[in-house]
């Protein structure tokens, strides 16, 4: 971790490195609040989306701690404060990232509740399909059945084209000059000011962005495979989403026989747009499964 982090941890949480069999990963880790009682109701592993980071979940830590849950939000390989190759895209093959998730769950002592936002949901799905035993449940947050929408594919292509000829710093400046970043292929809206978001952007590996951007544009439909896994499933999203249409997420939930939650007033990042309703929906789902 950096000695001067771009994002100080939220109240009651600490930033550290989670050491695993596949290396160390930067995490923000919070424990249940005293009001929730001494005993944890469960441990939650949260994976962020494309161009995102563990800080995208920062507003969920406190309400989930009050419900008795330890939350560990992680930067994946090559994201923000987790190390990764700058040029070797093979390190970011989906199977490799999925194996990282399995190692993270193992390091936490498992079984854990797994939560993946957007790209993080597809990486989490790949991990579950490799080995579901480290998990007690799986929640997909604004993460669809296959590739992202055509409009989002166009934005990812803009970013990949820019990364081919510019440095990360140059891409950031170009994105800022062109308009709202989420509309011109740049980072999605995030929690924090421009300096914080710029520092986060510069922490990403270009190879990670290139490889995972390609994955988002080519991901096959693996819903039937996931539906065959004996694991409680939850599909949560905002009421509006440009990355995967809400109707597509509704249909995926039906195919998975999953719990379905739509957060009013939220878009692609309900964890940031409406954190309290999102936290309560997550905890209600986990509470219904009983103590681990």
Protein backbone atom coordinates (compact mmCIF):
# COMPACT_ATOMS: atom_id res chain seq x y z
CA UNK A 1 0.00 0.00 0.00
CA UNK A 2 1.15 3.55 -0.56
CA UNK A 3 2.16 5.58 2.51
CA UNK A 4 -0.11 8.38 1.30
CA UNK A 5 -3.21 6.61 -0.02
CA UNK A 6 -5.40 8.42 -2.51
CA UNK A 7 -8.45 7.28 -0.57
CA UNK A 8 -8.28 7.08 3.25
CA UNK A 9 -10.21 4.02 4.49
CA UNK A 10 -13.79 4.62 5.67
CA UNK A 11 -14.54 4.71 9.42
CA UNK A 12 -13.86 1.39 11.13
CA UNK A 13 -11.87 -0.02 8.18
CA UNK A 14 -8.17 -0.50 7.54
CA UNK A 15 -6.16 -0.70 4.34
CA UNK A 16 -3.59 -3.49 4.11
CA UNK A 17 -2.25 -6.20 1.83
CA UNK A 18 -3.96 -9.57 1.83
CA UNK A 19 -1.23 -12.18 1.37
CA UNK A 20 -2.28 -15.19 -0.68
CA UNK A 21 -0.73 -18.13 -2.50
CA UNK A 22 -0.85 -15.99 -5.67
CA UNK A 23 0.69 -12.84 -4.24
CA UNK A 24 -0.45 -9.89 -2.15
CA UNK A 25 -3.53 -7.83 -2.98
CA UNK A 26 -4.47 -4.38 -1.70
CA UNK A 27 -7.68 -4.50 0.33
CA UNK A 28 -9.90 -2.35 2.50
CA UNK A 29 -11.03 -4.52 5.39
CA UNK A 30 -13.73 -3.70 7.94
CA UNK A 31 -15.06 -5.77 10.85
CA UNK A 32 -18.53 -5.84 12.43
CA UNK A 33 -19.26 -2.87 14.65
CA UNK A 34 -19.59 -3.49 18.42
CA UNK A 35 -23.34 -2.82 18.22
CA UNK A 36 -23.66 -5.83 15.92
CA UNK A 37 -22.27 -8.17 18.59
CA UNK A 38 -18.91 -9.86 18.90
CA UNK A 39 -19.68 -12.68 16.49
CA UNK A 40 -19.43 -12.12 12.76
CA UNK A 41 -22.43 -13.11 10.71
CA UNK A 42 -20.14 -13.70 7.76
CA UNK A 43 -17.22 -12.53 5.65
CA UNK A 44 -17.76 -10.77 2.33
CA UNK A 45 -15.27 -10.53 -0.56
CA UNK A 46 -16.04 -7.70 -3.01
CA UNK A 47 -14.55 -7.35 -6.51
CA UNK A 48 -14.70 -4.00 -8.37
CA UNK A 49 -15.47 -3.30 -12.00
CA UNK A 50 -13.54 -2.09 -15.05
CA UNK A 51 -11.33 0.95 -14.26
CA UNK A 52 -12.66 0.73 -10.70
CA UNK A 53 -11.13 -0.22 -7.38
CA UNK A 54 -11.86 -1.41 -3.87
CA UNK A 55 -12.88 2.16 -2.97
CA UNK A 56 -16.03 1.79 -5.06
CA UNK A 57 -17.48 -0.12 -2.07
CA UNK A 58 -16.35 2.36 0.59
CA UNK A 59 -19.92 3.47 1.43
CA UNK A 60 -20.99 -0.14 2.08
CA UNK A 61 -18.48 -0.92 4.84
CA UNK A 62 -20.18 0.91 7.69
CA UNK A 63 -23.80 -0.24 7.10
CA UNK A 64 -22.68 -3.84 6.53
CA UNK A 65 -20.53 -3.72 9.67
CA UNK A 66 -23.64 -2.65 11.56
CA UNK A 67 -25.37 -5.78 10.25
CA UNK A 68 -22.53 -8.00 11.52
CA UNK A 69 -20.52 -8.54 8.33
CA UNK A 70 -16.79 -8.27 7.78
CA UNK A 71 -16.22 -6.70 4.36
CA UNK A 72 -13.01 -7.15 2.39
CA UNK A 73 -12.96 -5.11 -0.83
CA UNK A 74 -10.02 -5.93 -3.08
CA UNK A 75 -8.05 -4.38 -5.93
CA UNK A 76 -7.56 -7.17 -8.44
CA UNK A 77 -4.22 -7.85 -10.10
CA UNK A 78 -3.09 -4.67 -11.87
CA UNK A 79 -5.89 -2.55 -10.40
CA UNK A 80 -5.07 0.63 -8.49
CA UNK A 81 -2.85 -0.49 -5.55
CA UNK A 82 -2.40 -4.18 -6.45
CA UNK A 83 0.72 -5.00 -8.42
CA UNK A 84 0.61 -6.46 -11.91
CA UNK A 85 2.59 -6.51 -15.17
CA UNK A 86 2.38 -3.31 -17.21
CA UNK A 87 2.69 -4.94 -20.64
CA UNK A 88 1.99 -8.69 -20.32
CA UNK A 89 -1.72 -9.12 -21.03
CA UNK A 90 -1.55 -12.89 -20.45
CA UNK A 91 -1.34 -12.23 -16.70
CA UNK A 92 -4.88 -10.87 -16.92
CA UNK A 93 -6.54 -13.76 -18.72
CA UNK A 94 -9.90 -14.33 -17.08
CA UNK A 95 -8.89 -17.75 -15.75
CA UNK A 96 -5.82 -16.23 -14.08
CA UNK A 97 -7.92 -13.51 -12.45
CA UNK A 98 -10.42 -16.15 -11.33
CA UNK A 99 -7.62 -18.13 -9.69
CA UNK A 100 -6.63 -14.95 -7.85
CA UNK A 101 -10.16 -14.77 -6.43
CA UNK A 102 -9.99 -18.36 -5.21
CA UNK A 103 -6.68 -17.57 -3.50
CA UNK A 104 -8.17 -14.48 -1.87
CA UNK A 105 -11.09 -16.49 -0.50
CA UNK A 106 -8.69 -19.13 0.79
CA UNK A 107 -6.60 -16.46 2.54
CA UNK A 108 -9.74 -15.17 4.28
CA UNK A 109 -10.42 -18.61 5.69
CA UNK A 110 -13.62 -19.18 3.68
CA UNK A 111 -16.37 -19.77 3.02
CA UNK A 112 -17.18 -16.19 2.04
CA UNK A 113 -20.04 -14.31 0.46
CA UNK A 114 -18.77 -13.30 -2.99
CA UNK A 115 -19.85 -10.00 -4.57
CA UNK A 116 -18.73 -8.83 -8.01
CA UNK A 117 -19.58 -5.49 -9.61
CA UNK A 118 -19.72 -5.34 -13.44
CA UNK A 119 -16.38 -6.76 -14.70
CA UNK A 120 -15.82 -8.03 -11.17
CA UNK A 121 -19.02 -10.04 -11.49
CA UNK A 122 -17.76 -11.81 -14.59
CA UNK A 123 -14.40 -12.56 -12.97
CA UNK A 124 -16.24 -13.79 -9.88
CA UNK A 125 -18.45 -15.99 -12.05
CA UNK A 126 -15.36 -17.55 -13.62
CA UNK A 127 -14.00 -18.27 -10.12
CA UNK A 128 -17.26 -19.89 -9.02
CA UNK A 129 -17.28 -22.06 -12.15
CA UNK A 130 -13.72 -23.19 -11.40
CA UNK A 131 -14.48 -24.05 -7.76
CA UNK A 132 -17.56 -22.97 -5.83
CA UNK A 133 -16.50 -24.56 -2.52
CA UNK A 134 -14.87 -21.41 -1.03
CA UNK A 135 -18.16 -19.49 -1.32
CA UNK A 136 -21.41 -19.51 0.61
CA UNK A 137 -23.26 -17.23 -1.83
CA UNK A 138 -22.65 -15.17 -4.96
CA UNK A 139 -24.11 -11.75 -5.78
CA UNK A 140 -23.76 -10.19 -9.24
CA UNK A 141 -24.03 -6.39 -9.01
CA UNK A 142 -24.85 -4.74 -12.35
CA UNK A 143 -23.10 -7.60 -14.14
CA UNK A 144 -24.79 -9.27 -17.06
CA UNK A 145 -24.89 -12.64 -18.77
CA UNK A 146 -22.48 -11.97 -21.65
CA UNK A 147 -20.77 -9.08 -23.45
CA UNK A 148 -21.52 -5.45 -22.64
CA UNK A 149 -23.88 -3.30 -24.74
CA UNK A 150 -22.80 -2.06 -28.16
CA UNK A 151 -22.53 1.53 -26.92
CA UNK A 152 -20.25 0.45 -24.09
CA UNK A 153 -18.17 -1.67 -26.46
CA UNK A 154 -17.59 1.47 -28.53
CA UNK A 155 -16.40 3.33 -25.43
CA UNK A 156 -14.04 0.52 -24.48
CA UNK A 157 -12.65 0.55 -28.03
CA UNK A 158 -11.95 4.29 -27.72
CA UNK A 159 -10.00 3.63 -24.55
CA UNK A 160 -8.05 0.70 -26.01
CA UNK A 161 -7.16 2.73 -29.11
CA UNK A 162 -5.89 5.57 -26.91
CA UNK A 163 -3.84 3.24 -24.71
CA UNK A 164 -2.11 1.88 -27.82
CA UNK A 165 -0.50 5.25 -28.56
CA UNK A 166 -0.51 7.22 -25.29
CA UNK A 167 0.73 6.91 -21.73
CA UNK A 168 -1.77 6.53 -18.89
CA UNK A 169 -1.23 10.19 -17.93
CA UNK A 170 -1.78 11.34 -21.52
CA UNK A 171 -4.96 9.26 -21.81
CA UNK A 172 -6.29 10.80 -18.61
CA UNK A 173 -5.69 14.34 -19.90
CA UNK A 174 -7.26 13.51 -23.25
CA UNK A 175 -10.33 12.02 -21.60
CA UNK A 176 -10.80 15.08 -19.39
CA UNK A 177 -10.60 17.36 -22.43
CA UNK A 178 -13.19 15.37 -24.40
CA UNK A 179 -16.06 15.37 -21.93
CA UNK A 180 -17.58 13.21 -19.19
CA UNK A 181 -15.11 10.28 -18.87
CA UNK A 182 -17.80 7.58 -18.80
CA UNK A 183 -19.06 8.85 -22.18
CA UNK A 184 -15.72 8.88 -24.02
CA UNK A 185 -14.26 5.53 -23.07
CA UNK A 186 -12.67 6.63 -19.81
CA UNK A 187 -13.16 5.66 -16.18
CA UNK A 188 -16.71 5.38 -14.95
CA UNK A 189 -17.96 7.83 -12.35
CA UNK A 190 -16.39 7.11 -9.00
CA UNK A 191 -16.33 8.28 -5.43
CA UNK A 192 -13.72 10.96 -4.89
CA UNK A 193 -12.42 14.21 -6.32
CA UNK A 194 -10.51 14.59 -9.59
CA UNK A 195 -7.11 14.27 -7.92
CA UNK A 196 -8.11 11.05 -6.19
CA UNK A 197 -9.58 9.58 -9.36
CA UNK A 198 -6.54 10.58 -11.39
CA UNK A 199 -4.21 8.88 -8.89
CA UNK A 200 -6.37 5.77 -9.03
CA UNK A 201 -6.32 5.79 -12.83
CA UNK A 202 -2.53 6.07 -12.91
CA UNK A 203 -2.28 3.07 -10.57
CA UNK A 204 -3.91 0.78 -13.12
CA UNK A 205 -1.79 -1.38 -15.41
CA UNK A 206 -2.39 -0.61 -19.10
CA UNK A 207 -2.19 -4.35 -19.83
CA UNK A 208 -4.93 -5.01 -17.28
CA UNK A 209 -7.21 -2.45 -18.93
CA UNK A 210 -6.51 -3.79 -22.42
CA UNK A 211 -7.07 -7.43 -21.45
CA UNK A 212 -10.17 -6.93 -19.32
CA UNK A 213 -11.67 -4.46 -21.78
CA UNK A 214 -11.39 -7.14 -24.44
CA UNK A 215 -13.05 -9.63 -22.10
CA UNK A 216 -16.02 -7.32 -21.53
CA UNK A 217 -16.55 -7.08 -25.29
CA UNK A 218 -16.31 -10.81 -25.98
CA UNK A 219 -17.64 -12.55 -22.85
CA UNK A 220 -19.85 -15.54 -23.77
CA UNK A 221 -23.15 -16.34 -22.09
CA UNK A 222 -22.35 -18.78 -19.24
CA UNK A 223 -25.63 -18.48 -17.36
CA UNK A 224 -26.56 -22.13 -17.83
CA UNK A 225 -23.22 -23.20 -16.35
CA UNK A 226 -23.71 -20.93 -13.34
CA UNK A 227 -27.30 -22.10 -12.85
CA UNK A 228 -25.99 -25.64 -12.41
CA UNK A 229 -23.82 -24.60 -9.44
CA UNK A 230 -25.40 -25.40 -6.03
CA UNK A 231 -24.94 -21.91 -4.59
CA UNK A 232 -27.46 -19.24 -3.52
CA UNK A 233 -27.43 -16.51 -6.17
CA UNK A 234 -28.47 -12.86 -6.13
CA UNK A 235 -28.74 -10.40 -9.03
CA UNK A 236 -28.72 -6.76 -7.89
CA UNK A 237 -28.73 -3.66 -10.08
CA UNK A 238 -29.91 -0.09 -10.33
CA UNK A 239 -33.17 0.79 -12.00
CA UNK A 240 -31.28 2.03 -15.07
CA UNK A 241 -28.14 0.63 -16.67
CA UNK A 242 -26.41 1.41 -19.97
CA UNK A 243 -23.88 -1.40 -19.66
CA UNK A 244 -26.40 -4.24 -19.53
CA UNK A 245 -30.09 -3.37 -19.97
CA UNK A 246 -32.14 -3.96 -16.82
CA UNK A 247 -34.46 -6.28 -18.78
CA UNK A 248 -31.42 -8.41 -19.63
CA UNK A 249 -30.51 -8.60 -15.94
CA UNK A 250 -34.12 -9.52 -15.09
CA UNK A 251 -34.00 -12.36 -17.60
CA UNK A 252 -30.64 -13.57 -16.28
CA UNK A 253 -32.02 -13.71 -12.74
CA UNK A 254 -34.93 -15.84 -13.95
CA UNK A 255 -32.57 -18.20 -15.76
CA UNK A 256 -30.46 -18.50 -12.60
CA UNK A 257 -33.46 -18.86 -10.28
CA UNK A 258 -31.71 -16.09 -8.34
CA UNK A 259 -32.97 -13.52 -5.91
CA UNK A 260 -33.53 -10.25 -7.81
CA UNK A 261 -33.14 -6.75 -6.37
CA UNK A 262 -33.57 -3.47 -8.24
CA UNK A 263 -32.35 -0.37 -6.38
CA UNK A 264 -34.52 2.67 -7.07
CA UNK A 265 -32.58 5.83 -7.92
CA UNK A 266 -29.43 3.94 -8.87
CA UNK A 267 -27.71 3.32 -12.19
CA UNK A 268 -24.71 1.12 -13.00
CA UNK A 269 -23.11 1.54 -9.56
CA UNK A 270 -25.83 1.10 -6.90
CA UNK A 271 -23.04 0.67 -4.33
CA UNK A 272 -22.14 4.34 -4.96
CA UNK A 273 -25.49 5.78 -6.08
CA UNK A 274 -27.65 4.33 -3.28
CA UNK A 275 -25.31 2.67 -0.75
CA UNK A 276 -27.74 2.24 2.15
CA UNK A 277 -30.50 0.43 0.19
CA UNK A 278 -27.79 -1.61 -1.53
CA UNK A 279 -26.17 -2.62 1.76
CA UNK A 280 -29.52 -3.55 3.28
CA UNK A 281 -30.46 -5.63 0.23
CA UNK A 282 -27.17 -7.51 0.43
CA UNK A 283 -27.42 -8.13 4.17
CA UNK A 284 -31.07 -9.21 3.90
CA UNK A 285 -30.04 -11.82 1.32
CA UNK A 286 -27.19 -13.12 3.48
CA UNK A 287 -29.26 -13.06 6.68
CA UNK A 288 -31.81 -15.26 4.96
CA UNK A 289 -29.15 -17.91 4.42
CA UNK A 290 -28.39 -18.22 8.15
CA UNK A 291 -25.09 -17.88 9.97
CA UNK A 292 -22.01 -19.36 8.35
